């Protein structure tokens, strides 16, 4: 198998696990707070990576700021907003809103990078954003609507942070192996979340270790972090950063498969309409849907 196909397979596996993560995390929040889980999600794999210390490269001083930005965007802000969003909103909303990343990237390019745009591009983005709003605002009709809407907006912030972080990851992937990128991402991210467990320790708040919290900690640290980030950074070596958003289409399917039996969350009619609008918007804006992950693997 070529390096490119290995990279495709790595990203497929990573996004399948990341998609399943949202219902598993929400289930684990019955026993552990979101930001406490965020700390352990990065602290444990940082310690595990020390066993591979010989494979961790030295960081050039000029690249240290890139690593800080990568950790802040791809881990601290992305996971912080994502976990807090899960605390309020249905878990199946997270990966669908996350799959709208290409829309925000295109809008940011037009607004901040002054890249030329077309009526077709703007029209596609408008349809895609309408789909996002369908999903974000659908809880307004329910009794807990205000909290769920807040959670969905936090998912949008997580998506934007993750999209920006991918840019820094691609720059660093050309110069560093995934051991180095994973270790420094985990270490810096765990440091940013460290005040949470310190505050709980100072206030004598115990860490409850039961089936819910242990599942969240082990799945988050060893699966979503250690395994998936390593696979993601490996994939970035051989696949353009702009194409990695294609793999996010796997996430909603994986999430729904887990969320239905675990949390009894079911897609609503508005949810399905929102998904169709998001995919239609991306198709109109870019002239295609990125179904190439499996296509490229089978070529």
C-alpha atoms as a PDB file:
ATOM      1  CA  UNK A   1       0.000   0.000   0.000  1.00  0.00           C
ATOM      2  CA  UNK A   2       1.346   3.434  -0.957  1.00  0.00           C
ATOM      3  CA  UNK A   3       1.968   6.146   1.625  1.00  0.00           C
ATOM      4  CA  UNK A   4      -0.970   8.113   0.206  1.00  0.00           C
ATOM      5  CA  UNK A   5      -3.388   5.195   0.684  1.00  0.00           C
ATOM      6  CA  UNK A   6      -2.017   4.602   4.178  1.00  0.00           C
ATOM      7  CA  UNK A   7      -2.710   8.271   4.912  1.00  0.00           C
ATOM      8  CA  UNK A   8      -6.268   7.952   3.583  1.00  0.00           C
ATOM      9  CA  UNK A   9      -6.857   4.867   5.731  1.00  0.00           C
ATOM     10  CA  UNK A  10      -5.365   6.643   8.764  1.00  0.00           C
ATOM     11  CA  UNK A  11      -7.750   9.591   8.385  1.00  0.00           C
ATOM     12  CA  UNK A  12     -10.751   7.302   7.853  1.00  0.00           C
ATOM     13  CA  UNK A  13      -9.984   5.431  11.092  1.00  0.00           C
ATOM     14  CA  UNK A  14      -9.336   8.682  12.989  1.00  0.00           C
ATOM     15  CA  UNK A  15     -12.605  10.288  11.906  1.00  0.00           C
ATOM     16  CA  UNK A  16     -14.614   7.136  12.593  1.00  0.00           C
ATOM     17  CA  UNK A  17     -13.349   7.188  16.190  1.00  0.00           C
ATOM     18  CA  UNK A  18     -13.803  10.965  16.501  1.00  0.00           C
ATOM     19  CA  UNK A  19     -17.380  10.612  15.281  1.00  0.00           C
ATOM     20  CA  UNK A  20     -18.160   7.936  17.864  1.00  0.00           C
ATOM     21  CA  UNK A  21     -16.566  10.103  20.557  1.00  0.00           C
ATOM     22  CA  UNK A  22     -19.333  12.692  20.936  1.00  0.00           C
ATOM     23  CA  UNK A  23     -22.019  10.314  22.325  1.00  0.00           C
ATOM     24  CA  UNK A  24     -19.433   8.464  24.436  1.00  0.00           C
ATOM     25  CA  UNK A  25     -18.185  11.722  25.971  1.00  0.00           C
ATOM     26  CA  UNK A  26     -21.710  12.951  26.675  1.00  0.00           C
ATOM     27  CA  UNK A  27     -22.479   9.628  28.350  1.00  0.00           C
ATOM     28  CA  UNK A  28     -19.334   9.950  30.510  1.00  0.00           C
ATOM     29  CA  UNK A  29     -20.313  13.462  31.696  1.00  0.00           C
ATOM     30  CA  UNK A  30     -22.680  11.765  34.149  1.00  0.00           C
ATOM     31  CA  UNK A  31     -19.640  11.286  36.408  1.00  0.00           C
ATOM     32  CA  UNK A  32     -16.968  13.758  35.256  1.00  0.00           C
ATOM     33  CA  UNK A  33     -17.028  17.424  34.268  1.00  0.00           C
ATOM     34  CA  UNK A  34     -16.216  18.330  30.635  1.00  0.00           C
ATOM     35  CA  UNK A  35     -13.039  20.334  31.311  1.00  0.00           C
ATOM     36  CA  UNK A  36     -11.716  17.779  33.814  1.00  0.00           C
ATOM     37  CA  UNK A  37     -12.070  15.121  31.127  1.00  0.00           C
ATOM     38  CA  UNK A  38     -10.336  17.487  28.686  1.00  0.00           C
ATOM     39  CA  UNK A  39      -7.302  17.639  31.004  1.00  0.00           C
ATOM     40  CA  UNK A  40      -6.999  13.864  31.345  1.00  0.00           C
ATOM     41  CA  UNK A  41      -7.611  13.407  27.645  1.00  0.00           C
ATOM     42  CA  UNK A  42      -4.315  15.203  26.925  1.00  0.00           C
ATOM     43  CA  UNK A  43      -2.279  14.596  30.097  1.00  0.00           C
ATOM     44  CA  UNK A  44      -2.341  10.785  29.868  1.00  0.00           C
ATOM     45  CA  UNK A  45      -1.202  10.551  26.209  1.00  0.00           C
ATOM     46  CA  UNK A  46       1.521  13.149  26.917  1.00  0.00           C
ATOM     47  CA  UNK A  47       2.898  10.771  29.573  1.00  0.00           C
ATOM     48  CA  UNK A  48       2.553   7.766  27.260  1.00  0.00           C
ATOM     49  CA  UNK A  49       4.482   9.591  24.527  1.00  0.00           C
ATOM     50  CA  UNK A  50       7.487   9.831  26.870  1.00  0.00           C
ATOM     51  CA  UNK A  51       8.099   6.139  26.112  1.00  0.00           C
ATOM     52  CA  UNK A  52       8.862   7.282  22.547  1.00  0.00           C
ATOM     53  CA  UNK A  53      11.148  10.105  23.694  1.00  0.00           C
ATOM     54  CA  UNK A  54      13.933   8.983  21.329  1.00  0.00           C
ATOM     55  CA  UNK A  55      11.638   9.561  18.349  1.00  0.00           C
ATOM     56  CA  UNK A  56      10.589  13.048  19.485  1.00  0.00           C
ATOM     57  CA  UNK A  57      12.537  15.668  17.568  1.00  0.00           C
ATOM     58  CA  UNK A  58      13.857  18.924  18.939  1.00  0.00           C
ATOM     59  CA  UNK A  59      11.726  21.930  18.097  1.00  0.00           C
ATOM     60  CA  UNK A  60      13.403  24.756  16.233  1.00  0.00           C
ATOM     61  CA  UNK A  61      12.976  28.036  18.162  1.00  0.00           C
ATOM     62  CA  UNK A  62      11.249  29.628  15.169  1.00  0.00           C
ATOM     63  CA  UNK A  63       8.626  26.834  15.169  1.00  0.00           C
ATOM     64  CA  UNK A  64       7.741  26.970  18.857  1.00  0.00           C
ATOM     65  CA  UNK A  65       5.044  29.610  18.324  1.00  0.00           C
ATOM     66  CA  UNK A  66       3.503  27.402  15.621  1.00  0.00           C
ATOM     67  CA  UNK A  67       3.304  24.531  18.116  1.00  0.00           C
ATOM     68  CA  UNK A  68       1.675  26.810  20.691  1.00  0.00           C
ATOM     69  CA  UNK A  69      -0.905  27.990  18.147  1.00  0.00           C
ATOM     70  CA  UNK A  70      -1.510  24.394  17.037  1.00  0.00           C
ATOM     71  CA  UNK A  71      -2.148  23.256  20.615  1.00  0.00           C
ATOM     72  CA  UNK A  72      -4.364  26.249  21.427  1.00  0.00           C
ATOM     73  CA  UNK A  73      -6.503  25.994  18.288  1.00  0.00           C
ATOM     74  CA  UNK A  74      -6.580  22.255  17.581  1.00  0.00           C
ATOM     75  CA  UNK A  75      -6.784  21.114  21.192  1.00  0.00           C
ATOM     76  CA  UNK A  76      -7.508  23.712  23.868  1.00  0.00           C
ATOM     77  CA  UNK A  77     -10.124  25.808  22.045  1.00  0.00           C
ATOM     78  CA  UNK A  78     -11.413  23.058  19.766  1.00  0.00           C
ATOM     79  CA  UNK A  79     -11.874  20.485  22.536  1.00  0.00           C
ATOM     80  CA  UNK A  80     -12.820  23.053  25.196  1.00  0.00           C
ATOM     81  CA  UNK A  81     -15.708  24.451  23.138  1.00  0.00           C
ATOM     82  CA  UNK A  82     -16.603  20.963  21.903  1.00  0.00           C
ATOM     83  CA  UNK A  83     -16.843  19.455  25.400  1.00  0.00           C
ATOM     84  CA  UNK A  84     -18.829  22.380  26.796  1.00  0.00           C
ATOM     85  CA  UNK A  85     -21.129  22.157  23.775  1.00  0.00           C
ATOM     86  CA  UNK A  86     -21.717  18.454  24.455  1.00  0.00           C
ATOM     87  CA  UNK A  87     -22.728  19.309  28.009  1.00  0.00           C
ATOM     88  CA  UNK A  88     -25.683  21.295  26.660  1.00  0.00           C
ATOM     89  CA  UNK A  89     -26.584  19.992  23.187  1.00  0.00           C
ATOM     90  CA  UNK A  90     -27.350  16.568  21.640  1.00  0.00           C
ATOM     91  CA  UNK A  91     -24.183  14.666  20.764  1.00  0.00           C
ATOM     92  CA  UNK A  92     -25.280  14.013  17.155  1.00  0.00           C
ATOM     93  CA  UNK A  93     -25.286  17.779  16.478  1.00  0.00           C
ATOM     94  CA  UNK A  94     -21.527  18.062  17.064  1.00  0.00           C
ATOM     95  CA  UNK A  95     -20.149  16.077  14.087  1.00  0.00           C
ATOM     96  CA  UNK A  96     -22.733  17.510  11.658  1.00  0.00           C
ATOM     97  CA  UNK A  97     -21.848  21.084  12.588  1.00  0.00           C
ATOM     98  CA  UNK A  98     -18.183  20.040  12.453  1.00  0.00           C
ATOM     99  CA  UNK A  99     -18.628  18.792   8.885  1.00  0.00           C
ATOM    100  CA  UNK A 100     -19.506  22.366   7.877  1.00  0.00           C
ATOM    101  CA  UNK A 101     -15.846  23.321   8.356  1.00  0.00           C
ATOM    102  CA  UNK A 102     -15.258  23.899   4.597  1.00  0.00           C
ATOM    103  CA  UNK A 103     -17.967  26.573   4.617  1.00  0.00           C
ATOM    104  CA  UNK A 104     -16.231  28.567   7.344  1.00  0.00           C
ATOM    105  CA  UNK A 105     -12.850  28.121   5.655  1.00  0.00           C
ATOM    106  CA  UNK A 106     -14.237  29.493   2.380  1.00  0.00           C
ATOM    107  CA  UNK A 107     -15.877  32.455   4.120  1.00  0.00           C
ATOM    108  CA  UNK A 108     -12.735  33.248   6.100  1.00  0.00           C
ATOM    109  CA  UNK A 109     -10.650  33.137   2.915  1.00  0.00           C
ATOM    110  CA  UNK A 110     -12.974  35.642   1.247  1.00  0.00           C
ATOM    111  CA  UNK A 111     -13.252  37.977   4.238  1.00  0.00           C
ATOM    112  CA  UNK A 112      -9.742  37.951   5.671  1.00  0.00           C
ATOM    113  CA  UNK A 113      -7.469  36.767   2.882  1.00  0.00           C
ATOM    114  CA  UNK A 114      -9.287  38.777   0.198  1.00  0.00           C
ATOM    115  CA  UNK A 115      -9.490  35.720  -2.023  1.00  0.00           C
ATOM    116  CA  UNK A 116     -11.707  36.203  -5.058  1.00  0.00           C
ATOM    117  CA  UNK A 117     -15.168  34.734  -4.768  1.00  0.00           C
ATOM    118  CA  UNK A 118     -18.036  34.097  -7.163  1.00  0.00           C
ATOM    119  CA  UNK A 119     -21.822  34.273  -6.962  1.00  0.00           C
ATOM    120  CA  UNK A 120     -21.855  30.477  -7.079  1.00  0.00           C
ATOM    121  CA  UNK A 121     -19.488  30.296  -4.115  1.00  0.00           C
ATOM    122  CA  UNK A 122     -21.485  32.814  -2.096  1.00  0.00           C
ATOM    123  CA  UNK A 123     -24.770  31.076  -2.937  1.00  0.00           C
ATOM    124  CA  UNK A 124     -23.380  27.698  -1.872  1.00  0.00           C
ATOM    125  CA  UNK A 125     -22.077  29.138   1.383  1.00  0.00           C
ATOM    126  CA  UNK A 126     -25.449  30.771   2.066  1.00  0.00           C
ATOM    127  CA  UNK A 127     -27.259  27.441   1.622  1.00  0.00           C
ATOM    128  CA  UNK A 128     -24.696  25.642   3.778  1.00  0.00           C
ATOM    129  CA  UNK A 129     -24.970  28.228   6.541  1.00  0.00           C
ATOM    130  CA  UNK A 130     -28.752  27.950   6.384  1.00  0.00           C
ATOM    131  CA  UNK A 131     -28.346  24.221   7.053  1.00  0.00           C
ATOM    132  CA  UNK A 132     -26.089  24.971  10.013  1.00  0.00           C
ATOM    133  CA  UNK A 133     -28.696  27.386  11.409  1.00  0.00           C
ATOM    134  CA  UNK A 134     -31.417  24.735  10.985  1.00  0.00           C
ATOM    135  CA  UNK A 135     -29.468  22.409  13.260  1.00  0.00           C
ATOM    136  CA  UNK A 136     -28.247  25.100  15.663  1.00  0.00           C
ATOM    137  CA  UNK A 137     -31.693  26.622  16.189  1.00  0.00           C
ATOM    138  CA  UNK A 138     -33.852  23.467  16.061  1.00  0.00           C
ATOM    139  CA  UNK A 139     -33.887  23.123  19.904  1.00  0.00           C
ATOM    140  CA  UNK A 140     -35.730  26.467  20.220  1.00  0.00           C
ATOM    141  CA  UNK A 141     -38.987  24.516  19.991  1.00  0.00           C
ATOM    142  CA  UNK A 142     -38.154  22.375  23.041  1.00  0.00           C
ATOM    143  CA  UNK A 143     -38.215  23.189  26.755  1.00  0.00           C
ATOM    144  CA  UNK A 144     -34.428  22.999  26.978  1.00  0.00           C
ATOM    145  CA  UNK A 145     -33.986  24.933  23.767  1.00  0.00           C
ATOM    146  CA  UNK A 146     -31.888  27.784  25.124  1.00  0.00           C
ATOM    147  CA  UNK A 147     -29.234  25.462  26.545  1.00  0.00           C
ATOM    148  CA  UNK A 148     -29.095  23.317  23.412  1.00  0.00           C
ATOM    149  CA  UNK A 149     -28.771  26.369  21.166  1.00  0.00           C
ATOM    150  CA  UNK A 150     -25.859  27.553  23.314  1.00  0.00           C
ATOM    151  CA  UNK A 151     -24.244  24.124  22.959  1.00  0.00           C
ATOM    152  CA  UNK A 152     -24.619  24.221  19.174  1.00  0.00           C
ATOM    153  CA  UNK A 153     -23.021  27.663  18.963  1.00  0.00           C
ATOM    154  CA  UNK A 154     -20.111  26.287  20.999  1.00  0.00           C
ATOM    155  CA  UNK A 155     -19.813  23.515  18.394  1.00  0.00           C
ATOM    156  CA  UNK A 156     -19.468  26.219  15.717  1.00  0.00           C
ATOM    157  CA  UNK A 157     -16.633  27.874  17.673  1.00  0.00           C
ATOM    158  CA  UNK A 158     -14.960  24.471  18.049  1.00  0.00           C
ATOM    159  CA  UNK A 159     -15.247  23.898  14.289  1.00  0.00           C
ATOM    160  CA  UNK A 160     -13.698  27.268  13.459  1.00  0.00           C
ATOM    161  CA  UNK A 161     -10.809  26.703  15.900  1.00  0.00           C
ATOM    162  CA  UNK A 162     -10.143  23.212  14.529  1.00  0.00           C
ATOM    163  CA  UNK A 163     -10.176  24.449  10.924  1.00  0.00           C
ATOM    164  CA  UNK A 164      -7.610  27.152  11.736  1.00  0.00           C
ATOM    165  CA  UNK A 165      -5.484  24.692  13.692  1.00  0.00           C
ATOM    166  CA  UNK A 166      -5.218  22.388  10.675  1.00  0.00           C
ATOM    167  CA  UNK A 167      -3.307  25.123   8.834  1.00  0.00           C
ATOM    168  CA  UNK A 168      -0.596  25.180  11.508  1.00  0.00           C
ATOM    169  CA  UNK A 169      -0.572  21.376  11.642  1.00  0.00           C
ATOM    170  CA  UNK A 170       0.097  21.167   7.903  1.00  0.00           C
ATOM    171  CA  UNK A 171       3.016  23.597   8.175  1.00  0.00           C
ATOM    172  CA  UNK A 172       4.615  21.569  10.962  1.00  0.00           C
ATOM    173  CA  UNK A 173       3.885  18.147   9.410  1.00  0.00           C
ATOM    174  CA  UNK A 174       6.379  18.925   6.658  1.00  0.00           C
ATOM    175  CA  UNK A 175       9.226  19.274   9.176  1.00  0.00           C
ATOM    176  CA  UNK A 176       8.334  17.041  12.125  1.00  0.00           C
ATOM    177  CA  UNK A 177       7.210  13.433  12.597  1.00  0.00           C
ATOM    178  CA  UNK A 178       3.862  12.659  14.220  1.00  0.00           C
ATOM    179  CA  UNK A 179       5.566  11.586  17.480  1.00  0.00           C
ATOM    180  CA  UNK A 180       6.888  15.123  17.902  1.00  0.00           C
ATOM    181  CA  UNK A 181       3.653  16.828  16.883  1.00  0.00           C
ATOM    182  CA  UNK A 182       1.509  14.580  19.068  1.00  0.00           C
ATOM    183  CA  UNK A 183       3.712  14.910  22.161  1.00  0.00           C
ATOM    184  CA  UNK A 184       3.902  18.709  22.081  1.00  0.00           C
ATOM    185  CA  UNK A 185       0.206  19.060  21.256  1.00  0.00           C
ATOM    186  CA  UNK A 186      -0.744  16.839  24.200  1.00  0.00           C
ATOM    187  CA  UNK A 187       1.713  18.494  26.610  1.00  0.00           C
ATOM    188  CA  UNK A 188       0.795  22.091  25.789  1.00  0.00           C
ATOM    189  CA  UNK A 189      -2.937  21.336  25.748  1.00  0.00           C
ATOM    190  CA  UNK A 190      -2.808  19.549  29.121  1.00  0.00           C
ATOM    191  CA  UNK A 191      -0.983  22.554  30.617  1.00  0.00           C
ATOM    192  CA  UNK A 192      -3.776  24.889  29.482  1.00  0.00           C
ATOM    193  CA  UNK A 193      -6.390  22.656  31.174  1.00  0.00           C
ATOM    194  CA  UNK A 194      -4.263  22.074  34.318  1.00  0.00           C
ATOM    195  CA  UNK A 195      -5.943  24.854  36.393  1.00  0.00           C
ATOM    196  CA  UNK A 196      -9.207  22.850  36.358  1.00  0.00           C
ATOM    197  CA  UNK A 197      -8.000  19.772  38.332  1.00  0.00           C
ATOM    198  CA  UNK A 198      -5.849  22.026  40.559  1.00  0.00           C
ATOM    199  CA  UNK A 199      -8.914  24.076  41.483  1.00  0.00           C
ATOM    200  CA  UNK A 200     -10.913  20.916  42.171  1.00  0.00           C
ATOM    201  CA  UNK A 201      -8.101  19.555  44.357  1.00  0.00           C
ATOM    202  CA  UNK A 202      -7.916  22.827  46.315  1.00  0.00           C
ATOM    203  CA  UNK A 203     -11.674  22.667  46.923  1.00  0.00           C
ATOM    204  CA  UNK A 204     -11.545  18.945  47.828  1.00  0.00           C
ATOM    205  CA  UNK A 205     -13.675  17.898  44.866  1.00  0.00           C
ATOM    206  CA  UNK A 206     -13.055  14.137  44.373  1.00  0.00           C
ATOM    207  CA  UNK A 207     -12.517  12.528  40.992  1.00  0.00           C
ATOM    208  CA  UNK A 208     -15.217   9.869  40.720  1.00  0.00           C
ATOM    209  CA  UNK A 209     -13.870   6.827  38.900  1.00  0.00           C
ATOM    210  CA  UNK A 210     -16.770   4.693  37.758  1.00  0.00           C
ATOM    211  CA  UNK A 211     -17.750   3.090  34.444  1.00  0.00           C
ATOM    212  CA  UNK A 212     -18.839   6.421  32.932  1.00  0.00           C
ATOM    213  CA  UNK A 213     -15.784   8.489  33.846  1.00  0.00           C
ATOM    214  CA  UNK A 214     -13.258   5.698  33.204  1.00  0.00           C
ATOM    215  CA  UNK A 215     -14.749   5.054  29.762  1.00  0.00           C
ATOM    216  CA  UNK A 216     -14.530   8.751  28.926  1.00  0.00           C
ATOM    217  CA  UNK A 217     -10.954   9.088  30.212  1.00  0.00           C
ATOM    218  CA  UNK A 218      -9.595   5.932  28.553  1.00  0.00           C
ATOM    219  CA  UNK A 219     -11.461   6.412  25.270  1.00  0.00           C
ATOM    220  CA  UNK A 220     -10.502  10.088  25.169  1.00  0.00           C
ATOM    221  CA  UNK A 221      -6.839   9.743  26.118  1.00  0.00           C
ATOM    222  CA  UNK A 222      -5.887   6.513  24.327  1.00  0.00           C
ATOM    223  CA  UNK A 223      -8.389   6.543  21.449  1.00  0.00           C
ATOM    224  CA  UNK A 224      -9.398  10.086  20.504  1.00  0.00           C
ATOM    225  CA  UNK A 225      -6.058  11.626  21.500  1.00  0.00           C
ATOM    226  CA  UNK A 226      -3.122   9.197  21.348  1.00  0.00           C
ATOM    227  CA  UNK A 227      -4.309   7.086  18.425  1.00  0.00           C
ATOM    228  CA  UNK A 228      -6.353   9.602  16.415  1.00  0.00           C
ATOM    229  CA  UNK A 229      -3.997  12.576  16.618  1.00  0.00           C
ATOM    230  CA  UNK A 230      -1.093  10.342  15.610  1.00  0.00           C
ATOM    231  CA  UNK A 231      -3.097   9.037  12.637  1.00  0.00           C
ATOM    232  CA  UNK A 232      -4.200  12.581  11.735  1.00  0.00           C
ATOM    233  CA  UNK A 233      -0.677  14.025  11.789  1.00  0.00           C
ATOM    234  CA  UNK A 234       0.590  11.046   9.797  1.00  0.00           C
ATOM    235  CA  UNK A 235      -2.121  11.620   7.201  1.00  0.00           C
ATOM    236  CA  UNK A 236      -1.250  15.314   6.906  1.00  0.00           C
ATOM    237  CA  UNK A 237       2.193  14.371   5.612  1.00  0.00           C
ATOM    238  CA  UNK A 238       0.701  12.974   2.410  1.00  0.00           C
ATOM    239  CA  UNK A 239      -2.672  14.745   2.033  1.00  0.00           C
ATOM    240  CA  UNK A 240      -3.339  18.471   1.590  1.00  0.00           C
ATOM    241  CA  UNK A 241      -4.836  20.206   4.616  1.00  0.00           C
ATOM    242  CA  UNK A 242      -7.763  21.453   2.518  1.00  0.00           C
ATOM    243  CA  UNK A 243      -8.686  17.848   1.650  1.00  0.00           C
ATOM    244  CA  UNK A 244      -8.731  16.623   5.253  1.00  0.00           C
ATOM    245  CA  UNK A 245     -12.146  18.264   5.764  1.00  0.00           C
ATOM    246  CA  UNK A 246     -13.541  15.583   3.441  1.00  0.00           C
ATOM    247  CA  UNK A 247     -13.086  12.965   6.121  1.00  0.00           C
ATOM    248  CA  UNK A 248     -15.339  14.858   8.532  1.00  0.00           C
ATOM    249  CA  UNK A 249     -18.316  13.477   6.565  1.00  0.00           C
ATOM    250  CA  UNK A 250     -17.631  10.151   8.250  1.00  0.00           C
ATOM    251  CA  UNK A 251     -18.148  11.601  11.739  1.00  0.00           C
ATOM    252  CA  UNK A 252     -21.963  12.114  11.733  1.00  0.00           C
ATOM    253  CA  UNK A 253     -22.616   8.550  10.578  1.00  0.00           C
ATOM    254  CA  UNK A 254     -20.355   7.142  13.285  1.00  0.00           C
ATOM    255  CA  UNK A 255     -21.955   9.400  15.922  1.00  0.00           C
ATOM    256  CA  UNK A 256     -25.534   8.443  15.072  1.00  0.00           C
ATOM    257  CA  UNK A 257     -24.704   4.704  15.128  1.00  0.00           C
ATOM    258  CA  UNK A 258     -23.417   5.070  18.713  1.00  0.00           C
ATOM    259  CA  UNK A 259     -25.830   7.761  19.967  1.00  0.00           C
ATOM    260  CA  UNK A 260     -29.030   5.847  19.189  1.00  0.00           C
ATOM    261  CA  UNK A 261     -28.379   2.831  21.491  1.00  0.00           C
ATOM    262  CA  UNK A 262     -26.245   4.701  24.071  1.00  0.00           C
ATOM    263  CA  UNK A 263     -28.162   7.983  24.545  1.00  0.00           C
ATOM    264  CA  UNK A 264     -31.415   7.297  22.663  1.00  0.00           C
ATOM    265  CA  UNK A 265     -30.793  10.336  20.453  1.00  0.00           C
ATOM    266  CA  UNK A 266     -32.537  10.166  17.098  1.00  0.00           C
ATOM    267  CA  UNK A 267     -32.212  12.485  14.078  1.00  0.00           C
ATOM    268  CA  UNK A 268     -35.227  14.776  13.720  1.00  0.00           C
ATOM    269  CA  UNK A 269     -36.750  15.956  10.442  1.00  0.00           C
ATOM    270  CA  UNK A 270     -35.185  19.407  10.911  1.00  0.00           C
ATOM    271  CA  UNK A 271     -31.826  17.762  11.639  1.00  0.00           C
ATOM    272  CA  UNK A 272     -31.996  15.761   8.386  1.00  0.00           C
ATOM    273  CA  UNK A 273     -33.019  18.868   6.390  1.00  0.00           C
ATOM    274  CA  UNK A 274     -30.076  20.760   7.899  1.00  0.00           C
ATOM    275  CA  UNK A 275     -27.666  17.966   6.900  1.00  0.00           C
ATOM    276  CA  UNK A 276     -28.981  18.021   3.319  1.00  0.00           C
ATOM    277  CA  UNK A 277     -28.604  21.822   3.127  1.00  0.00           C
ATOM    278  CA  UNK A 278     -25.020  21.692   4.440  1.00  0.00           C
ATOM    279  CA  UNK A 279     -23.985  19.048   1.897  1.00  0.00           C
ATOM    280  CA  UNK A 280     -25.857  20.878  -0.889  1.00  0.00           C
ATOM    281  CA  UNK A 281     -24.131  24.144  -0.011  1.00  0.00           C
ATOM    282  CA  UNK A 282     -20.690  22.538  -0.135  1.00  0.00           C
ATOM    283  CA  UNK A 283     -21.557  20.856  -3.440  1.00  0.00           C
ATOM    284  CA  UNK A 284     -22.713  24.133  -5.022  1.00  0.00           C
ATOM    285  CA  UNK A 285     -19.744  26.126  -3.671  1.00  0.00           C
ATOM    286  CA  UNK A 286     -17.042  23.650  -4.609  1.00  0.00           C
ATOM    287  CA  UNK A 287     -18.702  21.834  -7.507  1.00  0.00           C
ATOM    288  CA  UNK A 288     -18.415  18.466  -5.774  1.00  0.00           C
ATOM    289  CA  UNK A 289     -18.836  16.570  -2.562  1.00  0.00           C
ATOM    290  CA  UNK A 290     -15.632  15.181  -1.121  1.00  0.00           C
ATOM    291  CA  UNK A 291     -16.487  11.517  -1.374  1.00  0.00           C
ATOM    292  CA  UNK A 292     -12.886  10.801  -2.343  1.00  0.00           C
ATOM    293  CA  UNK A 293     -11.725   9.278   1.012  1.00  0.00           C
ATOM    294  CA  UNK A 294     -13.082   5.825   0.155  1.00  0.00           C
ATOM    295  CA  UNK A 295     -12.676   6.413  -3.581  1.00  0.00           C
ATOM    296  CA  UNK A 296      -8.964   7.160  -3.217  1.00  0.00           C
ATOM    297  CA  UNK A 297      -8.482   4.164  -0.959  1.00  0.00           C
ATOM    298  CA  UNK A 298      -9.982   1.821  -3.530  1.00  0.00           C
ATOM    299  CA  UNK A 299      -8.197   3.291  -6.582  1.00  0.00           C
END
